[in-house]
PDB file of N, CA and C in Angstrom:
ATOM      1  N   MET A   1       0.798  -1.201  -0.140  1.00  0.00           N
ATOM      2  CA  MET A   1       0.135  -0.047   0.108  1.00  0.00           C
ATOM      3  C   MET A   1       0.872   1.373   0.258  1.00  0.00           C
ATOM      4  N   ALA A   2       0.887   2.116  -1.032  1.00  0.00           N
ATOM      5  CA  ALA A   2       1.613   3.152  -0.967  1.00  0.00           C
ATOM      6  C   ALA A   2       0.978   4.380  -0.072  1.00  0.00           C
ATOM      7  N   HIS A   3       1.748   4.809   0.678  1.00  0.00           N
ATOM      8  CA  HIS A   3       1.409   6.069   1.307  1.00  0.00           C
ATOM      9  C   HIS A   3       1.964   7.647   0.713  1.00  0.00           C
ATOM     10  N   ASP A   4       1.028   8.677   0.706  1.00  0.00           N
ATOM     11  CA  ASP A   4       0.759   9.623  -0.054  1.00  0.00           C
ATOM     12  C   ASP A   4       1.660  10.440   0.821  1.00  0.00           C
ATOM     13  N   VAL A   5       2.793  11.270   0.320  1.00  0.00           N
ATOM     14  CA  VAL A   5       3.810  12.000   0.794  1.00  0.00           C
ATOM     15  C   VAL A   5       3.032  13.825   0.894  1.00  0.00           C
ATOM     16  N   ALA A   6       2.279  13.927   0.216  1.00  0.00           N
ATOM     17  CA  ALA A   6       1.320  15.475   0.401  1.00  0.00           C
ATOM     18  C   ALA A   6       0.788  15.920   1.619  1.00  0.00           C
ATOM     19  N   GLY A   7       1.505  17.219   2.280  1.00  0.00           N
ATOM     20  CA  GLY A   7       1.161  17.465   2.928  1.00  0.00           C
ATOM     21  C   GLY A   7       1.936  16.974   4.664  1.00  0.00           C
ATOM     22  N   ASN A   8       3.048  15.870   4.008  1.00  0.00           N
ATOM     23  CA  ASN A   8       3.792  15.528   5.179  1.00  0.00           C
ATOM     24  C   ASN A   8       5.256  16.421   5.098  1.00  0.00           C
ATOM     25  N   THR A   9       5.937  16.094   6.287  1.00  0.00           N
ATOM     26  CA  THR A   9       7.409  16.735   6.110  1.00  0.00           C
ATOM     27  C   THR A   9       7.923  15.557   6.703  1.00  0.00           C
ATOM     28  N   TYR A  10       9.233  15.042   6.233  1.00  0.00           N
ATOM     29  CA  TYR A  10      10.261  14.053   6.355  1.00  0.00           C
ATOM     30  C   TYR A  10      11.668  14.687   7.123  1.00  0.00           C
ATOM     31  N   GLU A  11      12.477  14.405   8.060  1.00  0.00           N
ATOM     32  CA  GLU A  11      13.551  14.718   8.421  1.00  0.00           C
ATOM     33  C   GLU A  11      14.486  13.464   7.995  1.00  0.00           C
ATOM     34  N   PHE A  12      15.898  14.369   7.628  1.00  0.00           N
ATOM     35  CA  PHE A  12      16.904  13.609   7.317  1.00  0.00           C
ATOM     36  C   PHE A  12      17.290  12.890   8.698  1.00  0.00           C
ATOM     37  N   GLU A  13      16.983  11.566   8.324  1.00  0.00           N
ATOM     38  CA  GLU A  13      17.419  10.547   9.586  1.00  0.00           C
ATOM     39  C   GLU A  13      19.194   9.661   9.592  1.00  0.00           C
ATOM     40  N   THR A  14      19.210   9.472   8.580  1.00  0.00           N
ATOM     41  CA  THR A  14      20.867   9.090   8.224  1.00  0.00           C
ATOM     42  C   THR A  14      21.266   8.527   6.823  1.00  0.00           C
ATOM     43  N   ALA A  15      22.447   8.327   6.375  1.00  0.00           N
ATOM     44  CA  ALA A  15      23.067   8.061   5.273  1.00  0.00           C
ATOM     45  C   ALA A  15      23.373   6.426   5.669  1.00  0.00           C
ATOM     46  N   LEU A  16      23.120   5.601   4.828  1.00  0.00           N
ATOM     47  CA  LEU A  16      23.681   4.368   5.012  1.00  0.00           C
ATOM     48  C   LEU A  16      24.185   3.598   3.504  1.00  0.00           C
ATOM     49  N   PRO A  17      25.449   3.515   3.572  1.00  0.00           N
ATOM     50  CA  PRO A  17      26.036   2.802   2.374  1.00  0.00           C
ATOM     51  C   PRO A  17      25.618   1.350   2.171  1.00  0.00           C
ATOM     52  N   GLU A  18      25.417   1.296   1.060  1.00  0.00           N
ATOM     53  CA  GLU A  18      25.644  -0.148   0.426  1.00  0.00           C
ATOM     54  C   GLU A  18      26.638  -0.375  -0.479  1.00  0.00           C
ATOM     55  N   TYR A  19      27.603  -1.353  -0.200  1.00  0.00           N
ATOM     56  CA  TYR A  19      28.888  -1.373  -1.001  1.00  0.00           C
ATOM     57  C   TYR A  19      28.560  -2.962  -1.934  1.00  0.00           C
ATOM     58  N   ALA A  20      29.360  -2.383  -3.172  1.00  0.00           N
ATOM     59  CA  ALA A  20      29.219  -4.036  -3.899  1.00  0.00           C
ATOM     60  C   ALA A  20      29.899  -4.769  -3.383  1.00  0.00           C
ATOM     61  N   GLU A  21      29.851  -6.087  -3.475  1.00  0.00           N
ATOM     62  CA  GLU A  21      30.483  -7.508  -2.848  1.00  0.00           C
ATOM     63  C   GLU A  21      31.804  -7.101  -2.842  1.00  0.00           C
ATOM     64  N   ASP A  22      32.524  -7.011  -4.077  1.00  0.00           N
ATOM     65  CA  ASP A  22      34.538  -7.034  -3.873  1.00  0.00           C
ATOM     66  C   ASP A  22      34.752  -5.524  -3.745  1.00  0.00           C
ATOM     67  N   VAL A  23      34.167  -4.665  -2.813  1.00  0.00           N
ATOM     68  CA  VAL A  23      34.584  -3.516  -2.669  1.00  0.00           C
ATOM     69  C   VAL A  23      35.897  -4.032  -0.966  1.00  0.00           C
ATOM     70  N   PRO A  24      37.243  -3.313  -1.646  1.00  0.00           N
ATOM     71  CA  PRO A  24      38.229  -3.722  -0.353  1.00  0.00           C
ATOM     72  C   PRO A  24      37.621  -3.071   0.991  1.00  0.00           C
ATOM     73  N   GLU A  25      38.144  -3.660   2.400  1.00  0.00           N
ATOM     74  CA  GLU A  25      37.829  -3.099   3.446  1.00  0.00           C
ATOM     75  C   GLU A  25      38.304  -1.661   3.322  1.00  0.00           C
ATOM     76  N   GLU A  26      39.656  -1.348   2.667  1.00  0.00           N
ATOM     77  CA  GLU A  26      40.297   0.218   3.005  1.00  0.00           C
ATOM     78  C   GLU A  26      39.093   0.929   2.197  1.00  0.00           C
ATOM     79  N   ALA A  27      38.694   0.573   1.137  1.00  0.00           N
ATOM     80  CA  ALA A  27      37.473   1.407   0.516  1.00  0.00           C
ATOM     81  C   ALA A  27      36.363   1.801   1.527  1.00  0.00           C
ATOM     82  N   LYS A  28      35.518   0.532   2.035  1.00  0.00           N
ATOM     83  CA  LYS A  28      34.784   0.733   2.907  1.00  0.00           C
ATOM     84  C   LYS A  28      35.164   1.563   4.044  1.00  0.00           C
ATOM     85  N   ALA A  29      36.261   1.584   4.720  1.00  0.00           N
ATOM     86  CA  ALA A  29      36.367   2.673   5.851  1.00  0.00           C
ATOM     87  C   ALA A  29      36.640   4.183   5.561  1.00  0.00           C
ATOM     88  N   MET A  30      36.852   4.006   4.308  1.00  0.00           N
ATOM     89  CA  MET A  30      37.131   5.913   3.833  1.00  0.00           C
ATOM     90  C   MET A  30      35.573   6.073   3.011  1.00  0.00           C
ATOM     91  N   GLY A  31      34.897   4.857   2.742  1.00  0.00           N
ATOM     92  CA  GLY A  31      33.317   5.396   2.773  1.00  0.00           C
ATOM     93  C   GLY A  31      32.390   5.485   4.177  1.00  0.00           C
ATOM     94  N   LEU A  32      32.790   5.184   4.841  1.00  0.00           N
ATOM     95  CA  LEU A  32      32.307   5.260   6.279  1.00  0.00           C
ATOM     96  C   LEU A  32      32.518   6.439   6.779  1.00  0.00           C
ATOM     97  N   PHE A  33      33.700   7.360   6.353  1.00  0.00           N
ATOM     98  CA  PHE A  33      34.007   8.537   6.657  1.00  0.00           C
ATOM     99  C   PHE A  33      33.395   9.947   6.302  1.00  0.00           C
ATOM    100  N   ALA A  34      33.092   9.224   4.948  1.00  0.00           N
ATOM    101  CA  ALA A  34      32.321  10.078   3.897  1.00  0.00           C
ATOM    102  C   ALA A  34      31.460  10.184   4.350  1.00  0.00           C
ATOM    103  N   VAL A  35      30.463   9.128   4.872  1.00  0.00           N
ATOM    104  CA  VAL A  35      28.738   8.892   5.208  1.00  0.00           C
ATOM    105  C   VAL A  35      28.859   9.737   6.446  1.00  0.00           C
ATOM    106  N   ALA A  36      29.858   9.725   7.366  1.00  0.00           N
ATOM    107  CA  ALA A  36      29.694  10.719   8.747  1.00  0.00           C
ATOM    108  C   ALA A  36      29.762  12.020   8.549  1.00  0.00           C
ATOM    109  N   PHE A  37      30.620  12.588   7.586  1.00  0.00           N
ATOM    110  CA  PHE A  37      30.668  13.644   6.896  1.00  0.00           C
ATOM    111  C   PHE A  37      29.499  14.100   6.530  1.00  0.00           C
ATOM    112  N   PHE A  38      28.690  13.204   5.887  1.00  0.00           N
ATOM    113  CA  PHE A  38      27.467  13.425   5.110  1.00  0.00           C
ATOM    114  C   PHE A  38      26.736  13.564   6.212  1.00  0.00           C
ATOM    115  N   SER A  39      26.560  12.671   7.166  1.00  0.00           N
ATOM    116  CA  SER A  39      25.509  12.524   7.862  1.00  0.00           C
ATOM    117  C   SER A  39      25.362  13.885   9.048  1.00  0.00           C
ATOM    118  N   GLU A  40      26.536  14.069   9.252  1.00  0.00           N
ATOM    119  CA  GLU A  40      26.499  15.824  10.071  1.00  0.00           C
ATOM    120  C   GLU A  40      26.222  16.613   9.123  1.00  0.00           C
ATOM    121  N   ALA A  41      26.298  16.641   8.135  1.00  0.00           N
ATOM    122  CA  ALA A  41      25.714  17.936   7.501  1.00  0.00           C
ATOM    123  C   ALA A  41      24.750  18.050   7.069  1.00  0.00           C
ATOM    124  N   ALA A  42      24.135  16.951   6.857  1.00  0.00           N
ATOM    125  CA  ALA A  42      22.515  17.066   6.272  1.00  0.00           C
ATOM    126  C   ALA A  42      21.690  16.717   7.825  1.00  0.00           C
ATOM    127  N   LYS A  43      22.109  16.908   9.043  1.00  0.00           N
ATOM    128  CA  LYS A  43      21.801  16.881  10.116  1.00  0.00           C
ATOM    129  C   LYS A  43      20.423  18.079  10.569  1.00  0.00           C
ATOM    130  N   GLY A  44      19.459  17.476  10.488  1.00  0.00           N
ATOM    131  CA  GLY A  44      18.337  18.693  10.982  1.00  0.00           C
ATOM    132  C   GLY A  44      17.546  19.040   9.533  1.00  0.00           C
ATOM    133  N   SER A  45      17.911  18.838   8.298  1.00  0.00           N
ATOM    134  CA  SER A  45      17.418  18.872   7.308  1.00  0.00           C
ATOM    135  C   SER A  45      16.227  18.378   6.872  1.00  0.00           C
ATOM    136  N   THR A  46      15.081  19.123   6.148  1.00  0.00           N
ATOM    137  CA  THR A  46      14.030  18.323   6.161  1.00  0.00           C
ATOM    138  C   THR A  46      13.121  18.466   4.509  1.00  0.00           C
ATOM    139  N   LEU A  47      12.257  17.701   4.154  1.00  0.00           N
ATOM    140  CA  LEU A  47      11.599  17.738   2.945  1.00  0.00           C
ATOM    141  C   LEU A  47      10.229  18.050   3.305  1.00  0.00           C
ATOM    142  N   THR A  48       9.484  18.962   2.894  1.00  0.00           N
ATOM    143  CA  THR A  48       7.858  19.323   3.101  1.00  0.00           C
ATOM    144  C   THR A  48       7.572  19.178   1.456  1.00  0.00           C
ATOM    145  N   PHE A  49       6.446  18.343   1.551  1.00  0.00           N
ATOM    146  CA  PHE A  49       5.542  17.932   0.017  1.00  0.00           C
ATOM    147  C   PHE A  49       4.292  18.751   0.421  1.00  0.00           C
ATOM    148  N   ARG A  50       4.166  19.813  -0.563  1.00  0.00           N
ATOM    149  CA  ARG A  50       2.914  20.369  -0.524  1.00  0.00           C
ATOM    150  C   ARG A  50       1.641  19.531  -1.525  1.00  0.00           C
ATOM    151  N   ALA A  51       0.431  19.792  -1.387  1.00  0.00           N
ATOM    152  CA  ALA A  51      -0.746  19.327  -2.162  1.00  0.00           C
ATOM    153  C   ALA A  51      -0.399  19.344  -3.538  1.00  0.00           C
ATOM    154  N   ASP A  52       0.084  20.468  -3.527  1.00  0.00           N
ATOM    155  CA  ASP A  52       0.291  21.223  -5.707  1.00  0.00           C
ATOM    156  C   ASP A  52       1.376  20.776  -6.067  1.00  0.00           C
ATOM    157  N   GLY A  53       2.043  19.288  -5.854  1.00  0.00           N
ATOM    158  CA  GLY A  53       3.244  18.876  -6.384  1.00  0.00           C
ATOM    159  C   GLY A  53       4.305  19.738  -6.199  1.00  0.00           C
ATOM    160  N   THR A  54       4.661  20.926  -5.227  1.00  0.00           N
ATOM    161  CA  THR A  54       5.624  21.176  -4.907  1.00  0.00           C
ATOM    162  C   THR A  54       6.482  20.929  -3.740  1.00  0.00           C
ATOM    163  N   ALA A  55       7.390  20.917  -3.512  1.00  0.00           N
ATOM    164  CA  ALA A  55       8.182  20.487  -2.496  1.00  0.00           C
ATOM    165  C   ALA A  55       9.299  21.539  -1.822  1.00  0.00           C
ATOM    166  N   VAL A  56      10.018  21.548  -0.676  1.00  0.00           N
ATOM    167  CA  VAL A  56      10.792  22.324  -0.418  1.00  0.00           C
ATOM    168  C   VAL A  56      11.917  21.415   0.476  1.00  0.00           C
ATOM    169  N   MET A  57      13.206  21.594   0.348  1.00  0.00           N
ATOM    170  CA  MET A  57      13.917  20.687   1.203  1.00  0.00           C
ATOM    171  C   MET A  57      14.381  22.266   1.995  1.00  0.00           C
ATOM    172  N   HIS A  58      14.568  22.062   3.416  1.00  0.00           N
ATOM    173  CA  HIS A  58      15.133  22.906   4.094  1.00  0.00           C
ATOM    174  C   HIS A  58      16.833  22.633   4.812  1.00  0.00           C
ATOM    175  N   LYS A  59      17.810  23.126   4.526  1.00  0.00           N
ATOM    176  CA  LYS A  59      19.170  22.251   4.778  1.00  0.00           C
ATOM    177  C   LYS A  59      19.638  23.341   5.647  1.00  0.00           C
ATOM    178  N   GLN A  60      19.919  22.931   6.681  1.00  0.00           N
ATOM    179  CA  GLN A  60      20.388  23.592   8.125  1.00  0.00           C
ATOM    180  C   GLN A  60      22.167  23.605   7.561  1.00  0.00           C
ATOM    181  N   GLY A  61      22.911  24.471   8.202  1.00  0.00           N
ATOM    182  CA  GLY A  61      24.117  24.767   7.826  1.00  0.00           C
ATOM    183  C   GLY A  61      24.808  25.792   8.430  1.00  0.00           C
ATOM    184  N   GLY A  62      25.611  25.381   9.371  1.00  0.00           N
ATOM    185  CA  GLY A  62      26.132  26.363  10.239  1.00  0.00           C
ATOM    186  C   GLY A  62      25.221  27.309  10.907  1.00  0.00           C
ATOM    187  N   GLY A  63      24.194  26.846  11.220  1.00  0.00           N
ATOM    188  CA  GLY A  63      23.262  27.746  12.030  1.00  0.00           C
ATOM    189  C   GLY A  63      22.288  28.374  11.268  1.00  0.00           C
ATOM    190  N   LYS A  64      22.501  28.547  10.160  1.00  0.00           N
ATOM    191  CA  LYS A  64      21.404  29.172   9.098  1.00  0.00           C
ATOM    192  C   LYS A  64      20.523  28.121   8.486  1.00  0.00           C
ATOM    193  N   GLY A  65      19.777  28.421   8.055  1.00  0.00           N
ATOM    194  CA  GLY A  65      18.818  27.385   7.337  1.00  0.00           C
ATOM    195  C   GLY A  65      18.419  28.062   5.711  1.00  0.00           C
ATOM    196  N   LYS A  66      18.405  27.209   4.997  1.00  0.00           N
ATOM    197  CA  LYS A  66      18.489  27.259   3.378  1.00  0.00           C
ATOM    198  C   LYS A  66      17.584  26.558   2.824  1.00  0.00           C
ATOM    199  N   ASP A  67      16.482  27.119   1.964  1.00  0.00           N
ATOM    200  CA  ASP A  67      15.424  26.567   1.452  1.00  0.00           C
ATOM    201  C   ASP A  67      15.474  26.127  -0.127  1.00  0.00           C
ATOM    202  N   THR A  68      15.311  25.223  -0.254  1.00  0.00           N
ATOM    203  CA  THR A  68      15.543  25.096  -2.225  1.00  0.00           C
ATOM    204  C   THR A  68      14.049  24.528  -2.626  1.00  0.00           C
ATOM    205  N   ALA A  69      13.470  24.790  -3.557  1.00  0.00           N
ATOM    206  CA  ALA A  69      12.278  24.720  -3.903  1.00  0.00           C
ATOM    207  C   ALA A  69      12.199  23.580  -5.072  1.00  0.00           C
ATOM    208  N   ALA A  70      11.487  22.757  -5.220  1.00  0.00           N
ATOM    209  CA  ALA A  70      11.364  21.467  -6.031  1.00  0.00           C
ATOM    210  C   ALA A  70      10.158  21.415  -6.668  1.00  0.00           C
ATOM    211  N   THR A  71       9.896  20.715  -7.401  1.00  0.00           N
ATOM    212  CA  THR A  71       8.854  19.617  -7.670  1.00  0.00           C
ATOM    213  C   THR A  71       8.694  18.150  -7.326  1.00  0.00           C
ATOM    214  N   TYR A  72       7.552  17.539  -7.361  1.00  0.00           N
ATOM    215  CA  TYR A  72       7.348  16.353  -7.304  1.00  0.00           C
ATOM    216  C   TYR A  72       6.439  15.283  -7.483  1.00  0.00           C
ATOM    217  N   THR A  73       6.377  14.185  -7.796  1.00  0.00           N
ATOM    218  CA  THR A  73       5.450  13.482  -8.677  1.00  0.00           C
ATOM    219  C   THR A  73       5.734  12.144  -7.716  1.00  0.00           C
ATOM    220  N   GLN A  74       4.356  11.223  -7.519  1.00  0.00           N
ATOM    221  CA  GLN A  74       4.441  10.130  -6.467  1.00  0.00           C
ATOM    222  C   GLN A  74       3.344   9.066  -7.554  1.00  0.00           C
ATOM    223  N   ALA A  75       4.496   7.919  -7.740  1.00  0.00           N
ATOM    224  CA  ALA A  75       3.653   6.744  -8.551  1.00  0.00           C
ATOM    225  C   ALA A  75       3.467   5.895  -7.624  1.00  0.00           C
ATOM    226  N   GLY A  76       2.494   5.210  -6.854  1.00  0.00           N
ATOM    227  CA  GLY A  76       2.968   4.424  -5.925  1.00  0.00           C
ATOM    228  C   GLY A  76       3.638   4.717  -4.703  1.00  0.00           C
ATOM    229  N   ASP A  77       4.610   3.760  -4.709  1.00  0.00           N
ATOM    230  CA  ASP A  77       5.516   3.839  -3.973  1.00  0.00           C
ATOM    231  C   ASP A  77       6.749   4.689  -4.693  1.00  0.00           C
ATOM    232  N   LYS A  78       6.836   5.045  -5.598  1.00  0.00           N
ATOM    233  CA  LYS A  78       7.793   5.796  -6.485  1.00  0.00           C
ATOM    234  C   LYS A  78       7.977   6.838  -6.378  1.00  0.00           C
ATOM    235  N   LEU A  79       8.803   7.773  -5.707  1.00  0.00           N
ATOM    236  CA  LEU A  79       8.696   9.278  -6.008  1.00  0.00           C
ATOM    237  C   LEU A  79       9.672   9.929  -6.241  1.00  0.00           C
ATOM    238  N   THR A  80       9.640  10.962  -7.569  1.00  0.00           N
ATOM    239  CA  THR A  80      10.189  11.479  -7.968  1.00  0.00           C
ATOM    240  C   THR A  80      10.613  13.142  -7.898  1.00  0.00           C
ATOM    241  N   LEU A  81      11.720  13.229  -7.479  1.00  0.00           N
ATOM    242  CA  LEU A  81      12.064  14.676  -6.845  1.00  0.00           C
ATOM    243  C   LEU A  81      13.061  15.586  -7.783  1.00  0.00           C
ATOM    244  N   LYS A  82      12.434  16.761  -8.140  1.00  0.00           N
ATOM    245  CA  LYS A  82      13.266  17.834  -9.395  1.00  0.00           C
ATOM    246  C   LYS A  82      13.420  18.695  -8.510  1.00  0.00           C
ATOM    247  N   GLY A  83      14.911  19.458  -9.321  1.00  0.00           N
ATOM    248  CA  GLY A  83      15.110  21.050  -8.484  1.00  0.00           C
ATOM    249  C   GLY A  83      15.887  21.098  -7.500  1.00  0.00           C
ATOM    250  N   ILE A  84      16.540  19.939  -6.901  1.00  0.00           N
ATOM    251  CA  ILE A  84      17.396  20.261  -5.745  1.00  0.00           C
ATOM    252  C   ILE A  84      18.839  19.651  -6.427  1.00  0.00           C
ATOM    253  N   PRO A  85      19.934  20.301  -6.832  1.00  0.00           N
ATOM    254  CA  PRO A  85      20.899  20.249  -7.109  1.00  0.00           C
ATOM    255  C   PRO A  85      21.645  19.106  -6.415  1.00  0.00           C
ATOM    256  N   LYS A  86      22.274  18.276  -6.566  1.00  0.00           N
ATOM    257  CA  LYS A  86      23.213  17.277  -6.336  1.00  0.00           C
ATOM    258  C   LYS A  86      22.371  16.370  -5.375  1.00  0.00           C
ATOM    259  N   PHE A  87      21.161  16.166  -5.606  1.00  0.00           N
ATOM    260  CA  PHE A  87      20.218  15.405  -4.570  1.00  0.00           C
ATOM    261  C   PHE A  87      19.529  14.252  -5.318  1.00  0.00           C
ATOM    262  N   PRO A  88      19.329  13.249  -4.721  1.00  0.00           N
ATOM    263  CA  PRO A  88      18.900  12.046  -6.167  1.00  0.00           C
ATOM    264  C   PRO A  88      17.293  12.544  -6.547  1.00  0.00           C
ATOM    265  N   GLU A  89      17.007  11.842  -7.678  1.00  0.00           N
ATOM    266  CA  GLU A  89      15.938  12.623  -8.070  1.00  0.00           C
ATOM    267  C   GLU A  89      14.405  11.433  -7.963  1.00  0.00           C
ATOM    268  N   GLU A  90      15.067  10.383  -7.694  1.00  0.00           N
ATOM    269  CA  GLU A  90      14.269   9.164  -7.029  1.00  0.00           C
ATOM    270  C   GLU A  90      14.172   8.530  -5.939  1.00  0.00           C
ATOM    271  N   GLY A  91      13.444   8.545  -5.337  1.00  0.00           N
ATOM    272  CA  GLY A  91      13.386   7.509  -4.122  1.00  0.00           C
ATOM    273  C   GLY A  91      12.041   6.418  -3.564  1.00  0.00           C
ATOM    274  N   LEU A  92      11.934   5.717  -2.964  1.00  0.00           N
ATOM    275  CA  LEU A  92      10.982   5.085  -2.570  1.00  0.00           C
ATOM    276  C   LEU A  92      10.271   5.607  -0.785  1.00  0.00           C
ATOM    277  N   VAL A  93       8.874   5.522  -1.264  1.00  0.00           N
ATOM    278  CA  VAL A  93       7.924   6.039  -0.196  1.00  0.00           C
ATOM    279  C   VAL A  93       7.935   4.410   0.632  1.00  0.00           C
ATOM    280  N   GLU A  94       8.074   4.598   2.041  1.00  0.00           N
ATOM    281  CA  GLU A  94       7.387   3.422   2.954  1.00  0.00           C
ATOM    282  C   GLU A  94       6.735   4.325   3.824  1.00  0.00           C
ATOM    283  N   GLU A  95       6.020   3.540   4.828  1.00  0.00           N
ATOM    284  CA  GLU A  95       5.093   3.912   5.484  1.00  0.00           C
ATOM    285  C   GLU A  95       5.233   5.148   6.258  1.00  0.00           C
ATOM    286  N   ASP A  96       6.737   5.020   6.829  1.00  0.00           N
ATOM    287  CA  ASP A  96       6.989   6.370   7.893  1.00  0.00           C
ATOM    288  C   ASP A  96       8.460   6.894   7.193  1.00  0.00           C
ATOM    289  N   ALA A  97       8.709   6.612   6.402  1.00  0.00           N
ATOM    290  CA  ALA A  97      10.074   7.181   5.853  1.00  0.00           C
ATOM    291  C   ALA A  97      10.220   7.095   4.270  1.00  0.00           C
ATOM    292  N   LEU A  98      11.066   7.844   3.932  1.00  0.00           N
ATOM    293  CA  LEU A  98      11.743   7.774   2.512  1.00  0.00           C
ATOM    294  C   LEU A  98      12.953   7.637   2.251  1.00  0.00           C
ATOM    295  N   ASP A  99      13.605   6.577   1.099  1.00  0.00           N
ATOM    296  CA  ASP A  99      14.522   6.136   0.709  1.00  0.00           C
ATOM    297  C   ASP A  99      15.155   6.909  -0.402  1.00  0.00           C
ATOM    298  N   PHE A 100      16.086   7.613  -0.428  1.00  0.00           N
ATOM    299  CA  PHE A 100      16.534   8.506  -1.690  1.00  0.00           C
ATOM    300  C   PHE A 100      17.858   7.605  -1.810  1.00  0.00           C
ATOM    301  N   VAL A 101      18.261   7.052  -3.010  1.00  0.00           N
ATOM    302  CA  VAL A 101      19.406   6.346  -3.389  1.00  0.00           C
ATOM    303  C   VAL A 101      20.370   7.046  -4.162  1.00  0.00           C
ATOM    304  N   GLN A 102      21.678   7.422  -4.036  1.00  0.00           N
ATOM    305  CA  GLN A 102      22.137   8.188  -4.405  1.00  0.00           C
ATOM    306  C   GLN A 102      23.696   7.529  -5.257  1.00  0.00           C
ATOM    307  N   GLY A 103      23.801   7.209  -6.321  1.00  0.00           N
ATOM    308  CA  GLY A 103      24.639   6.513  -6.993  1.00  0.00           C
ATOM    309  C   GLY A 103      24.121   5.556  -8.033  1.00  0.00           C
ATOM    310  N   ASP A 104      24.615   5.263  -9.429  1.00  0.00           N
ATOM    311  CA  ASP A 104      24.285   4.248 -10.081  1.00  0.00           C
ATOM    312  C   ASP A 104      24.268   2.860  -9.746  1.00  0.00           C
ATOM    313  N   LYS A 105      23.060   1.990  -9.845  1.00  0.00           N
ATOM    314  CA  LYS A 105      23.227   0.717 -10.076  1.00  0.00           C
ATOM    315  C   LYS A 105      24.420   0.050 -10.532  1.00  0.00           C
ATOM    316  N   ASN A 106      24.749   0.339 -11.548  1.00  0.00           N
ATOM    317  CA  ASN A 106      26.199  -0.393 -11.817  1.00  0.00           C
ATOM    318  C   ASN A 106      27.390   0.516 -11.531  1.00  0.00           C
ATOM    319  N   ASP A 107      27.595   1.196 -10.560  1.00  0.00           N
ATOM    320  CA  ASP A 107      28.681   1.927  -9.582  1.00  0.00           C
ATOM    321  C   ASP A 107      29.458   0.671  -9.321  1.00  0.00           C
ATOM    322  N   LYS A 108      30.909   0.505  -9.368  1.00  0.00           N
ATOM    323  CA  LYS A 108      31.536  -0.774  -9.211  1.00  0.00           C
ATOM    324  C   LYS A 108      31.914  -0.766  -7.802  1.00  0.00           C
ATOM    325  N   THR A 109      31.680   0.530  -6.748  1.00  0.00           N
ATOM    326  CA  THR A 109      31.970   0.629  -5.312  1.00  0.00           C
ATOM    327  C   THR A 109      30.512   0.411  -4.429  1.00  0.00           C
ATOM    328  N   GLY A 110      29.435   0.769  -5.155  1.00  0.00           N
ATOM    329  CA  GLY A 110      28.514   1.018  -4.282  1.00  0.00           C
ATOM    330  C   GLY A 110      27.584   2.036  -4.188  1.00  0.00           C
ATOM    331  N   ARG A 111      26.450   2.340  -3.433  1.00  0.00           N
ATOM    332  CA  ARG A 111      25.753   3.380  -3.531  1.00  0.00           C
ATOM    333  C   ARG A 111      25.232   3.731  -1.918  1.00  0.00           C
ATOM    334  N   LEU A 112      24.499   5.016  -1.746  1.00  0.00           N
ATOM    335  CA  LEU A 112      24.250   5.546  -0.452  1.00  0.00           C
ATOM    336  C   LEU A 112      22.970   5.692  -0.319  1.00  0.00           C
ATOM    337  N   HIS A 113      21.968   5.221   0.595  1.00  0.00           N
ATOM    338  CA  HIS A 113      21.017   5.601   0.375  1.00  0.00           C
ATOM    339  C   HIS A 113      20.736   6.746   1.712  1.00  0.00           C
ATOM    340  N   LEU A 114      19.947   7.686   1.217  1.00  0.00           N
ATOM    341  CA  LEU A 114      20.002   8.572   2.165  1.00  0.00           C
ATOM    342  C   LEU A 114      18.327   8.648   2.682  1.00  0.00           C
ATOM    343  N   ARG A 115      18.378   8.468   4.026  1.00  0.00           N
ATOM    344  CA  ARG A 115      16.898   8.114   4.644  1.00  0.00           C
ATOM    345  C   ARG A 115      16.475   9.400   5.586  1.00  0.00           C
ATOM    346  N   PHE A 116      15.026   9.760   5.170  1.00  0.00           N
ATOM    347  CA  PHE A 116      14.242  10.804   5.537  1.00  0.00           C
ATOM    348  C   PHE A 116      13.519  10.130   6.672  1.00  0.00           C
ATOM    349  N   LYS A 117      12.879  10.288   7.635  1.00  0.00           N
ATOM    350  CA  LYS A 117      11.898   9.939   8.441  1.00  0.00           C
ATOM    351  C   LYS A 117      10.864  10.751   8.489  1.00  0.00           C
ATOM    352  N   LYS A 118       9.311  10.451   8.725  1.00  0.00           N
ATOM    353  CA  LYS A 118       8.241  11.171   8.933  1.00  0.00           C
ATOM    354  C   LYS A 118       8.018  12.124  10.012  1.00  0.00           C
ATOM    355  N   ILE A 119       7.774  13.498  10.223  1.00  0.00           N
ATOM    356  CA  ILE A 119       7.973  13.871  11.921  1.00  0.00           C
ATOM    357  C   ILE A 119       6.362  14.796  11.661  1.00  0.00           C
TER     358      ILE A 119
END
């Protein structure tokens, strides 16, 4: 059953790496450092979805907030978000969370899941 994002706000929860099977341990350790850095930088960021198909990403940064306007469409559990630079355009809608995947499925090292929880 798909959950409608319209009228809801989601807060960044965590970034989770998904490594390819043959990635060396050293690369995984470097990846974990990057994930920790990204998670700290994204802390407090929110995504708000309006009923008219627009969305706003509020990003915390150094005690200041920055809003970026976007548009979205939802087809079942698939969410497409356009207009936020350097942010994945496609995500999955879960009961109380969103999961955006950064990186190509064919990437030789892996991908990064950006998880937002419904607030």
